[in-house]
C-alpha atoms as a PDB file:
ATOM      1  CA  MET A   1     -14.002  29.030  46.042  1.00  0.00           C
ATOM      2  CA  LEU A   2     -14.630  27.702  42.484  1.00  0.00           C
ATOM      3  CA  LYS A   3     -12.447  28.655  39.483  1.00  0.00           C
ATOM      4  CA  LYS A   4     -13.828  28.887  35.723  1.00  0.00           C
ATOM      5  CA  ASN A   5     -12.661  27.028  33.079  1.00  0.00           C
ATOM      6  CA  LEU A   6     -11.031  23.652  34.647  1.00  0.00           C
ATOM      7  CA  LEU A   7     -11.924  21.906  31.862  1.00  0.00           C
ATOM      8  CA  ARG A   8      -9.131  21.375  29.357  1.00  0.00           C
ATOM      9  CA  HIS A   9      -9.809  20.973  25.504  1.00  0.00           C
ATOM     10  CA  PRO A  10      -7.928  17.395  24.566  1.00  0.00           C
ATOM     11  CA  VAL A  11      -6.084  18.688  21.472  1.00  0.00           C
ATOM     12  CA  THR A  12      -5.582  22.179  21.950  1.00  0.00           C
ATOM     13  CA  ARG A  13      -4.794  22.061  25.765  1.00  0.00           C
ATOM     14  CA  GLY A  14      -6.842  25.157  25.954  1.00  0.00           C
ATOM     15  CA  PRO A  15      -9.646  25.984  27.994  1.00  0.00           C
ATOM     16  CA  VAL A  16     -13.269  24.607  26.862  1.00  0.00           C
ATOM     17  CA  GLN A  17     -15.397  27.286  25.732  1.00  0.00           C
ATOM     18  CA  GLY A  18     -19.116  27.328  24.767  1.00  0.00           C
ATOM     19  CA  PRO A  19     -20.172  26.763  21.410  1.00  0.00           C
ATOM     20  CA  GLY A  20     -19.164  29.609  18.923  1.00  0.00           C
ATOM     21  CA  LYS A  21     -16.720  30.848  21.095  1.00  0.00           C
ATOM     22  CA  ARG A  22     -13.737  29.045  20.398  1.00  0.00           C
ATOM     23  CA  LYS A  23     -10.489  30.621  21.958  1.00  0.00           C
ATOM     24  CA  TYR A  24      -7.983  28.198  21.120  1.00  0.00           C
ATOM     25  CA  GLY A  25      -9.344  25.771  18.279  1.00  0.00           C
ATOM     26  CA  SER A  26      -7.695  25.491  15.046  1.00  0.00           C
ATOM     27  CA  ALA A  27     -10.833  26.519  12.910  1.00  0.00           C
ATOM     28  CA  GLY A  28     -10.176  29.440  10.408  1.00  0.00           C
ATOM     29  CA  ARG A  29      -6.375  28.957  10.864  1.00  0.00           C
ATOM     30  CA  SER A  30      -3.697  28.422   8.324  1.00  0.00           C
ATOM     31  CA  ILE A  31      -1.368  25.411   8.356  1.00  0.00           C
ATOM     32  CA  LYS A  32       1.917  26.765   8.955  1.00  0.00           C
ATOM     33  CA  ILE A  33       4.772  24.862   7.027  1.00  0.00           C
ATOM     34  CA  ARG A  34       7.979  24.641   8.570  1.00  0.00           C
ATOM     35  CA  LYS A  35      10.514  26.444   6.163  1.00  0.00           C
ATOM     36  CA  LEU A  36      12.019  24.338   3.945  1.00  0.00           C
ATOM     37  CA  SER A  37      15.584  24.799   2.754  1.00  0.00           C
ATOM     38  CA  TRP A  38      17.908  23.623  -0.178  1.00  0.00           C
ATOM     39  CA  LYS A  39      19.503  21.115   2.504  1.00  0.00           C
ATOM     40  CA  HIS A  40      16.494  19.248   3.046  1.00  0.00           C
ATOM     41  CA  PHE A  41      16.091  19.290  -0.750  1.00  0.00           C
ATOM     42  CA  LEU A  42      19.703  17.613  -1.272  1.00  0.00           C
ATOM     43  CA  LEU A  43      19.157  15.094   1.791  1.00  0.00           C
ATOM     44  CA  ILE A  44      15.825  13.930   0.221  1.00  0.00           C
ATOM     45  CA  SER A  45      17.249  14.001  -3.361  1.00  0.00           C
ATOM     46  CA  LEU A  46      20.271  11.989  -2.002  1.00  0.00           C
ATOM     47  CA  ILE A  47      17.946   9.429  -0.405  1.00  0.00           C
ATOM     48  CA  ILE A  48      15.892   8.934  -3.609  1.00  0.00           C
ATOM     49  CA  PHE A  49      19.230   8.640  -5.544  1.00  0.00           C
ATOM     50  CA  ILE A  50      20.515   6.089  -3.247  1.00  0.00           C
ATOM     51  CA  LEU A  51      17.732   3.727  -3.173  1.00  0.00           C
ATOM     52  CA  PRO A  52      18.983   1.624  -6.254  1.00  0.00           C
ATOM     53  CA  VAL A  53      22.144   0.958  -4.652  1.00  0.00           C
ATOM     54  CA  VAL A  54      20.383   0.236  -1.157  1.00  0.00           C
ATOM     55  CA  ARG A  55      17.995  -2.405  -2.620  1.00  0.00           C
ATOM     56  CA  GLU A  56      20.948  -4.132  -3.429  1.00  0.00           C
ATOM     57  CA  TRP A  57      22.771  -4.103  -0.373  1.00  0.00           C
ATOM     58  CA  GLN A  58      22.914  -7.852   0.893  1.00  0.00           C
ATOM     59  CA  THR A  59      24.553  -8.591  -2.415  1.00  0.00           C
ATOM     60  CA  LEU A  60      27.142  -5.738  -2.427  1.00  0.00           C
ATOM     61  CA  LEU A  61      28.158  -6.550   1.001  1.00  0.00           C
ATOM     62  CA  TYR A  62      27.814 -10.432   1.159  1.00  0.00           C
ATOM     63  CA  GLY A  63      28.039 -11.331  -2.736  1.00  0.00           C
ATOM     64  CA  GLU A  64      30.899 -12.889  -4.099  1.00  0.00           C
ATOM     65  CA  ARG A  65      33.197 -10.470  -6.234  1.00  0.00           C
ATOM     66  CA  VAL A  66      34.422 -11.681  -9.782  1.00  0.00           C
ATOM     67  CA  THR A  67      35.786 -10.131 -13.084  1.00  0.00           C
ATOM     68  CA  GLY A  68      34.268 -10.448 -16.311  1.00  0.00           C
ATOM     69  CA  GLU A  69      35.120  -9.612 -19.717  1.00  0.00           C
ATOM     70  CA  VAL A  70      32.712  -8.383 -22.132  1.00  0.00           C
ATOM     71  CA  ILE A  71      32.989 -10.735 -25.113  1.00  0.00           C
ATOM     72  CA  ALA A  72      30.399 -10.176 -27.672  1.00  0.00           C
ATOM     73  CA  TYR A  73      26.795  -8.437 -28.003  1.00  0.00           C
ATOM     74  CA  ARG A  74      23.212 -10.268 -28.361  1.00  0.00           C
ATOM     75  CA  GLN A  75      20.154  -8.973 -29.731  1.00  0.00           C
ATOM     76  CA  PHE A  76      16.970 -10.440 -28.307  1.00  0.00           C
ATOM     77  CA  ASN A  77      13.469 -10.066 -29.508  1.00  0.00           C
ATOM     78  CA  PRO A  78      10.869  -8.503 -26.608  1.00  0.00           C
ATOM     79  CA  ASP A  79      10.270 -12.338 -25.489  1.00  0.00           C
ATOM     80  CA  GLY A  80      13.808 -12.725 -24.428  1.00  0.00           C
ATOM     81  CA  GLU A  81      14.747 -14.850 -27.454  1.00  0.00           C
ATOM     82  CA  ILE A  82      18.125 -14.713 -29.186  1.00  0.00           C
ATOM     83  CA  VAL A  83      17.588 -13.297 -32.773  1.00  0.00           C
ATOM     84  CA  HIS A  84      19.727 -11.839 -35.708  1.00  0.00           C
ATOM     85  CA  ASP A  85      17.633  -8.942 -35.979  1.00  0.00           C
ATOM     86  CA  GLY A  86      16.498  -8.250 -32.364  1.00  0.00           C
ATOM     87  CA  GLN A  87      15.136  -4.827 -30.995  1.00  0.00           C
ATOM     88  CA  ILE A  88      16.892  -5.243 -27.531  1.00  0.00           C
ATOM     89  CA  VAL A  89      20.795  -5.438 -27.174  1.00  0.00           C
ATOM     90  CA  ARG A  90      22.841  -6.544 -24.368  1.00  0.00           C
ATOM     91  CA  SER A  91      26.512  -7.236 -23.857  1.00  0.00           C
ATOM     92  CA  GLU A  92      27.178 -10.966 -23.017  1.00  0.00           C
ATOM     93  CA  ILE A  93      29.904 -11.030 -20.079  1.00  0.00           C
ATOM     94  CA  GLU A  94      32.444 -14.112 -19.606  1.00  0.00           C
ATOM     95  CA  PHE A  95      33.553 -14.815 -16.005  1.00  0.00           C
ATOM     96  CA  ILE A  96      35.476 -17.508 -14.554  1.00  0.00           C
ATOM     97  CA  LYS A  97      34.247 -19.018 -10.770  1.00  0.00           C
ATOM     98  CA  SER A  98      36.039 -22.269  -9.344  1.00  0.00           C
ATOM     99  CA  GLY A  99      37.575 -23.033 -12.729  1.00  0.00           C
ATOM    100  CA  LYS A 100      34.288 -22.802 -14.663  1.00  0.00           C
ATOM    101  CA  ARG A 101      33.158 -20.523 -17.317  1.00  0.00           C
ATOM    102  CA  TYR A 102      30.125 -18.825 -17.216  1.00  0.00           C
ATOM    103  CA  TYR A 103      28.102 -16.279 -19.053  1.00  0.00           C
ATOM    104  CA  LEU A 104      25.791 -13.783 -18.274  1.00  0.00           C
ATOM    105  CA  TYR A 105      23.979 -10.727 -20.106  1.00  0.00           C
ATOM    106  CA  GLY A 106      24.170  -7.048 -18.872  1.00  0.00           C
ATOM    107  CA  PRO A 107      21.605  -4.478 -18.883  1.00  0.00           C
ATOM    108  CA  GLU A 108      19.494  -3.627 -21.943  1.00  0.00           C
ATOM    109  CA  ASN A 109      20.335  -1.769 -24.616  1.00  0.00           C
ATOM    110  CA  LEU A 110      23.810  -0.774 -22.908  1.00  0.00           C
ATOM    111  CA  LYS A 111      26.747  -1.946 -24.851  1.00  0.00           C
ATOM    112  CA  TYR A 112      29.907  -2.204 -22.778  1.00  0.00           C
ATOM    113  CA  LYS A 113      33.091  -2.192 -25.263  1.00  0.00           C
ATOM    114  CA  LEU A 114      34.617  -5.588 -26.473  1.00  0.00           C
ATOM    115  CA  GLY A 115      37.291  -6.565 -24.023  1.00  0.00           C
ATOM    116  CA  LYS A 116      36.095  -4.510 -21.244  1.00  0.00           C
ATOM    117  CA  GLN A 117      36.678  -5.749 -17.461  1.00  0.00           C
ATOM    118  CA  VAL A 118      33.260  -5.442 -15.547  1.00  0.00           C
ATOM    119  CA  SER A 119      33.178  -5.774 -11.719  1.00  0.00           C
ATOM    120  CA  ILE A 120      30.290  -8.123 -10.797  1.00  0.00           C
ATOM    121  CA  ARG A 121      28.827  -9.480  -7.474  1.00  0.00           C
ATOM    122  CA  LEU A 122      27.173 -12.623  -7.398  1.00  0.00           C
ATOM    123  CA  SER A 123      24.263 -13.461  -4.676  1.00  0.00           C
ATOM    124  CA  LYS A 124      25.117 -16.048  -2.548  1.00  0.00           C
ATOM    125  CA  LYS A 125      21.290 -16.658  -1.637  1.00  0.00           C
ATOM    126  CA  LYS A 126      20.138 -16.652  -5.091  1.00  0.00           C
ATOM    127  CA  PRO A 127      22.478 -18.187  -7.486  1.00  0.00           C
ATOM    128  CA  GLY A 128      21.046 -16.506 -10.545  1.00  0.00           C
ATOM    129  CA  ASP A 129      21.242 -12.970  -9.312  1.00  0.00           C
ATOM    130  CA  PHE A 130      24.106 -10.796 -10.069  1.00  0.00           C
ATOM    131  CA  ILE A 131      24.688  -6.797  -9.658  1.00  0.00           C
ATOM    132  CA  ILE A 132      27.129  -5.265 -12.206  1.00  0.00           C
ATOM    133  CA  ALA A 133      28.744  -2.952  -9.592  1.00  0.00           C
ATOM    134  CA  SER A 134      29.038   0.454 -11.735  1.00  0.00           C
ATOM    135  CA  PHE A 135      26.977   3.367 -12.559  1.00  0.00           C
ATOM    136  CA  SER A 136      25.335   1.836 -15.692  1.00  0.00           C
ATOM    137  CA  GLY A 137      24.774  -1.150 -13.664  1.00  0.00           C
ATOM    138  CA  PHE A 138      22.588   0.373 -11.169  1.00  0.00           C
ATOM    139  CA  TYR A 139      21.387   3.434 -12.914  1.00  0.00           C
ATOM    140  CA  LEU A 140      20.749   2.547 -16.383  1.00  0.00           C
ATOM    141  CA  GLN A 141      18.115  -0.109 -16.226  1.00  0.00           C
ATOM    142  CA  LYS A 142      14.183  -0.183 -16.847  1.00  0.00           C
ATOM    143  CA  ARG A 143      13.701   0.081 -13.069  1.00  0.00           C
ATOM    144  CA  SER A 144      15.320   3.367 -12.951  1.00  0.00           C
ATOM    145  CA  VAL A 145      12.651   4.995 -14.839  1.00  0.00           C
ATOM    146  CA  SER A 146      10.613   4.790 -11.791  1.00  0.00           C
ATOM    147  CA  LEU A 147      13.417   6.922  -9.868  1.00  0.00           C
ATOM    148  CA  LEU A 148      13.138   9.700 -12.162  1.00  0.00           C
ATOM    149  CA  ILE A 149       9.603  10.094 -11.832  1.00  0.00           C
ATOM    150  CA  VAL A 150       9.777   9.923  -7.927  1.00  0.00           C
ATOM    151  CA  PHE A 151      12.310  12.505  -8.208  1.00  0.00           C
ATOM    152  CA  THR A 152      10.321  14.722 -10.502  1.00  0.00           C
ATOM    153  CA  ILE A 153       7.632  14.700  -8.196  1.00  0.00           C
ATOM    154  CA  TRP A 154       9.931  15.428  -5.476  1.00  0.00           C
ATOM    155  CA  LEU A 155      11.205  18.472  -7.163  1.00  0.00           C
ATOM    156  CA  ALA A 156       7.546  19.983  -7.941  1.00  0.00           C
ATOM    157  CA  ILE A 157       6.424  19.451  -4.480  1.00  0.00           C
ATOM    158  CA  TYR A 158       9.688  21.169  -3.160  1.00  0.00           C
ATOM    159  CA  SER A 159       9.289  24.036  -5.860  1.00  0.00           C
ATOM    160  CA  THR A 160       5.601  24.443  -4.707  1.00  0.00           C
ATOM    161  CA  ILE A 161       6.529  24.612  -0.986  1.00  0.00           C
ATOM    162  CA  VAL A 162       9.166  27.002  -1.683  1.00  0.00           C
ATOM    163  CA  GLN A 163       6.929  29.309  -3.898  1.00  0.00           C
ATOM    164  CA  VAL A 164       4.067  29.343  -1.277  1.00  0.00           C
ATOM    165  CA  GLN A 165       6.845  30.081   1.580  1.00  0.00           C
ATOM    166  CA  LYS A 166       7.906  32.976  -0.615  1.00  0.00           C
ATOM    167  CA  GLY A 167       4.578  34.365  -1.491  1.00  0.00           C
ATOM    168  CA  THR A 168       5.028  34.045  -5.079  1.00  0.00           C
ATOM    169  CA  LEU A 169       2.582  31.237  -5.998  1.00  0.00           C
ATOM    170  CA  THR A 170      -0.427  32.711  -7.541  1.00  0.00           C
ATOM    171  CA  ASP A 171      -3.821  31.586  -8.908  1.00  0.00           C
ATOM    172  CA  ARG A 172      -5.132  33.583 -11.808  1.00  0.00           C
ATOM    173  CA  GLY A 173      -3.704  36.669 -10.467  1.00  0.00           C
ATOM    174  CA  LYS A 174      -4.204  36.505  -7.010  1.00  0.00           C
ATOM    175  CA  ARG A 175      -1.848  35.502  -4.202  1.00  0.00           C
ATOM    176  CA  ILE A 176      -2.129  32.480  -2.639  1.00  0.00           C
ATOM    177  CA  SER A 177      -1.399  32.558   1.064  1.00  0.00           C
END
């Protein structure tokens, strides 16, 4: 005895139907998005805000820890030259390593208090690289602007998906479903 529909559709795993009689296809169906909760929002937000710290993980774990002291402020022009009336201000930090004095400059336009002790991690692989291990050292730099842009995009995506799930997203007075 011969059974009908022995062939299976490779994607839907359902029986293959003739043209125009798709029983198990995806044509005409809307895509279902799994419910997105506030826990998902917090998890992805945490991942976004941990990125600056994770980017420097090798220096944080294996770098040499020294303590520096803010001794002065220096003004720079956009080309990086020290000038008296510069647009960019940086804290000059002095630290001692192996009996020698070294100097470095902190993040742009961030003034630490004079005399403040700052924790610094020096990279062992790249001698000129360092991290000021503080909130300002990680998050108050030029490259952190991209972090805010990524978070803003994530916030827009999350709020749009939540509105679609609740059925409150409208397009000129018509509900989008």
